[in-house]
Amino acid sequence: QVQLVESGGGLVQAGGSLRLSCAASGSTFIVNIMGWYRQAPGKQRELVALITRGGTTNYADSVKGRFTISQDNAKNTVYLQMNNQKPEDTGVYSCYARPDDLWGQGTQVNVSS
């Protein structure tokens, strides 16, 4: 069993930065991909970024060049550095892990214009 705990959400002005963290605990050896999804009010959940255990990354087009996903394998933690944020980045950001489609509880990010 793997548990995911996110931290780092909050309120930021447009153009500002936030960093999210997701710490995995439990049977973390089974995890091969971790990442972040987000859900804006009234919209479907969408992929933000993924990273494999080997370090390969994948980003949504809307965040390329602004967000960076990284990991500390020793701490079983994944980070999402969000720079130059826009109001459309507002939403609940949830940590995700494969192969068992695990989700964290979500953390709210609000970007004001």
C-alpha atoms as a PDB file:
ATOM      1  CA  GLN A   1       0.000   0.000   0.000  1.00  0.00           C
ATOM      2  CA  VAL A   2       1.248   3.477  -0.942  1.00  0.00           C
ATOM      3  CA  GLN A   3       0.043   6.728   0.547  1.00  0.00           C
ATOM      4  CA  LEU A   4       0.497  10.150  -1.067  1.00  0.00           C
ATOM      5  CA  VAL A   5       0.519  13.390   0.903  1.00  0.00           C
ATOM      6  CA  GLU A   6       0.639  16.750  -0.844  1.00  0.00           C
ATOM      7  CA  SER A   7       1.676  20.112   0.506  1.00  0.00           C
ATOM      8  CA  GLY A   8       2.458  23.572  -0.748  1.00  0.00           C
ATOM      9  CA  GLY A   9      -0.753  24.931  -2.203  1.00  0.00           C
ATOM     10  CA  GLY A  10      -2.028  28.408  -1.515  1.00  0.00           C
ATOM     11  CA  LEU A  11      -2.782  31.807  -2.981  1.00  0.00           C
ATOM     12  CA  VAL A  12      -0.439  33.612  -5.336  1.00  0.00           C
ATOM     13  CA  GLN A  13      -0.709  36.589  -7.644  1.00  0.00           C
ATOM     14  CA  ALA A  14      -0.375  36.192 -11.381  1.00  0.00           C
ATOM     15  CA  GLY A  15       3.285  36.000 -12.305  1.00  0.00           C
ATOM     16  CA  GLY A  16       4.184  34.503  -8.957  1.00  0.00           C
ATOM     17  CA  SER A  17       5.500  31.089  -7.970  1.00  0.00           C
ATOM     18  CA  LEU A  18       4.528  28.163  -5.789  1.00  0.00           C
ATOM     19  CA  ARG A  19       6.101  24.784  -5.179  1.00  0.00           C
ATOM     20  CA  LEU A  20       4.049  21.687  -4.487  1.00  0.00           C
ATOM     21  CA  SER A  21       5.418  18.577  -2.812  1.00  0.00           C
ATOM     22  CA  CYS A  22       4.102  15.030  -2.800  1.00  0.00           C
ATOM     23  CA  ALA A  23       5.592  12.550  -0.383  1.00  0.00           C
ATOM     24  CA  ALA A  24       4.980   8.855  -0.933  1.00  0.00           C
ATOM     25  CA  SER A  25       5.108   6.387   1.912  1.00  0.00           C
ATOM     26  CA  GLY A  26       4.526   2.677   2.307  1.00  0.00           C
ATOM     27  CA  SER A  27       5.423   0.226  -0.450  1.00  0.00           C
ATOM     28  CA  THR A  28       7.028   2.897  -2.612  1.00  0.00           C
ATOM     29  CA  PHE A  29       9.205   0.396  -4.478  1.00  0.00           C
ATOM     30  CA  ILE A  30       6.222  -0.428  -6.696  1.00  0.00           C
ATOM     31  CA  VAL A  31       5.842   3.171  -7.890  1.00  0.00           C
ATOM     32  CA  ASN A  32       7.234   3.770 -11.369  1.00  0.00           C
ATOM     33  CA  ILE A  33       5.555   7.045 -12.336  1.00  0.00           C
ATOM     34  CA  MET A  34       4.445   9.993 -10.252  1.00  0.00           C
ATOM     35  CA  GLY A  35       2.967  13.293 -11.203  1.00  0.00           C
ATOM     36  CA  TRP A  36       0.335  15.957 -10.869  1.00  0.00           C
ATOM     37  CA  TYR A  37      -3.147  16.481 -12.218  1.00  0.00           C
ATOM     38  CA  ARG A  38      -5.379  19.471 -11.624  1.00  0.00           C
ATOM     39  CA  GLN A  39      -9.072  20.218 -11.730  1.00  0.00           C
ATOM     40  CA  ALA A  40     -10.378  23.710 -12.232  1.00  0.00           C
ATOM     41  CA  PRO A  41     -13.906  24.662 -11.133  1.00  0.00           C
ATOM     42  CA  GLY A  42     -16.436  23.294 -13.584  1.00  0.00           C
ATOM     43  CA  LYS A  43     -13.819  21.455 -15.640  1.00  0.00           C
ATOM     44  CA  GLN A  44     -12.521  17.929 -15.925  1.00  0.00           C
ATOM     45  CA  ARG A  45      -9.326  16.854 -14.260  1.00  0.00           C
ATOM     46  CA  GLU A  46      -6.322  17.262 -16.547  1.00  0.00           C
ATOM     47  CA  LEU A  47      -2.727  16.168 -16.611  1.00  0.00           C
ATOM     48  CA  VAL A  48      -0.163  18.735 -15.512  1.00  0.00           C
ATOM     49  CA  ALA A  49       3.107  16.797 -15.433  1.00  0.00           C
ATOM     50  CA  LEU A  50       4.475  13.292 -14.950  1.00  0.00           C
ATOM     51  CA  ILE A  51       7.921  11.943 -14.132  1.00  0.00           C
ATOM     52  CA  THR A  52       9.182   8.392 -14.331  1.00  0.00           C
ATOM     53  CA  ARG A  53      11.466   6.834 -11.755  1.00  0.00           C
ATOM     54  CA  GLY A  54      14.236   7.209 -14.320  1.00  0.00           C
ATOM     55  CA  GLY A  55      13.588  10.933 -14.668  1.00  0.00           C
ATOM     56  CA  THR A  56      11.711  11.166 -17.957  1.00  0.00           C
ATOM     57  CA  THR A  57       9.176  13.985 -17.829  1.00  0.00           C
ATOM     58  CA  ASN A  58       5.965  14.842 -19.639  1.00  0.00           C
ATOM     59  CA  TYR A  59       4.106  18.166 -19.448  1.00  0.00           C
ATOM     60  CA  ALA A  60       0.795  19.550 -20.541  1.00  0.00           C
ATOM     61  CA  ASP A  61       1.296  22.100 -23.305  1.00  0.00           C
ATOM     62  CA  SER A  62      -0.302  24.781 -21.132  1.00  0.00           C
ATOM     63  CA  VAL A  63       2.467  24.580 -18.520  1.00  0.00           C
ATOM     64  CA  LYS A  64       5.555  23.889 -20.631  1.00  0.00           C
ATOM     65  CA  GLY A  65       8.262  26.426 -19.920  1.00  0.00           C
ATOM     66  CA  ARG A  66       6.599  27.540 -16.691  1.00  0.00           C
ATOM     67  CA  PHE A  67       6.309  24.415 -14.527  1.00  0.00           C
ATOM     68  CA  THR A  68       9.045  21.944 -13.637  1.00  0.00           C
ATOM     69  CA  ILE A  69       8.506  18.519 -12.142  1.00  0.00           C
ATOM     70  CA  SER A  70      11.359  16.911 -10.240  1.00  0.00           C
ATOM     71  CA  GLN A  71      11.910  14.148  -7.738  1.00  0.00           C
ATOM     72  CA  ASP A  72      14.057  13.115  -4.834  1.00  0.00           C
ATOM     73  CA  ASN A  73      14.093   9.331  -4.990  1.00  0.00           C
ATOM     74  CA  ALA A  74      15.798   9.051  -1.613  1.00  0.00           C
ATOM     75  CA  LYS A  75      12.879  10.892  -0.017  1.00  0.00           C
ATOM     76  CA  ASN A  76      10.210   9.356  -2.282  1.00  0.00           C
ATOM     77  CA  THR A  77       9.060  12.881  -2.975  1.00  0.00           C
ATOM     78  CA  VAL A  78       7.988  14.610  -6.159  1.00  0.00           C
ATOM     79  CA  TYR A  79       7.948  18.377  -6.562  1.00  0.00           C
ATOM     80  CA  LEU A  80       6.139  20.717  -8.915  1.00  0.00           C
ATOM     81  CA  GLN A  81       7.744  24.126  -9.248  1.00  0.00           C
ATOM     82  CA  MET A  82       5.211  26.517 -10.737  1.00  0.00           C
ATOM     83  CA  ASN A  83       6.549  29.808 -12.075  1.00  0.00           C
ATOM     84  CA  ASN A  84       4.926  32.687 -13.923  1.00  0.00           C
ATOM     85  CA  GLN A  85       1.546  31.470 -12.801  1.00  0.00           C
ATOM     86  CA  LYS A  86      -1.647  32.497 -14.527  1.00  0.00           C
ATOM     87  CA  PRO A  87      -5.223  32.732 -13.232  1.00  0.00           C
ATOM     88  CA  GLU A  88      -6.090  29.700 -15.376  1.00  0.00           C
ATOM     89  CA  ASP A  89      -3.699  27.641 -13.239  1.00  0.00           C
ATOM     90  CA  THR A  90      -6.239  27.867 -10.413  1.00  0.00           C
ATOM     91  CA  GLY A  91      -7.582  24.513  -9.264  1.00  0.00           C
ATOM     92  CA  VAL A  92      -7.137  21.532  -7.016  1.00  0.00           C
ATOM     93  CA  TYR A  93      -3.801  19.868  -7.683  1.00  0.00           C
ATOM     94  CA  SER A  94      -3.635  16.170  -6.942  1.00  0.00           C
ATOM     95  CA  CYS A  95      -0.612  13.952  -6.735  1.00  0.00           C
ATOM     96  CA  TYR A  96      -0.796  10.734  -8.734  1.00  0.00           C
ATOM     97  CA  ALA A  97       1.208   7.515  -8.765  1.00  0.00           C
ATOM     98  CA  ARG A  98       1.301   4.446 -10.943  1.00  0.00           C
ATOM     99  CA  PRO A  99       0.998   1.543 -11.365  1.00  0.00           C
ATOM    100  CA  ASP A 100      -1.961   1.400  -9.036  1.00  0.00           C
ATOM    101  CA  ASP A 101      -3.614   4.730  -9.985  1.00  0.00           C
ATOM    102  CA  LEU A 102      -3.130   6.201  -6.538  1.00  0.00           C
ATOM    103  CA  TRP A 103      -4.237   9.731  -5.651  1.00  0.00           C
ATOM    104  CA  GLY A 104      -3.412  12.164  -2.925  1.00  0.00           C
ATOM    105  CA  GLN A 105      -6.037  14.252  -1.145  1.00  0.00           C
ATOM    106  CA  GLY A 106      -5.420  17.317  -3.292  1.00  0.00           C
ATOM    107  CA  THR A 107      -4.180  20.808  -2.526  1.00  0.00           C
ATOM    108  CA  GLN A 108      -5.819  24.052  -3.617  1.00  0.00           C
ATOM    109  CA  VAL A 109      -3.928  26.550  -5.753  1.00  0.00           C
ATOM    110  CA  ASN A 110      -5.469  29.955  -6.379  1.00  0.00           C
ATOM    111  CA  VAL A 111      -3.884  32.451  -8.748  1.00  0.00           C
ATOM    112  CA  SER A 112      -5.316  35.948  -8.614  1.00  0.00           C
ATOM    113  CA  SER A 113      -5.172  38.370 -11.526  1.00  0.00           C
END
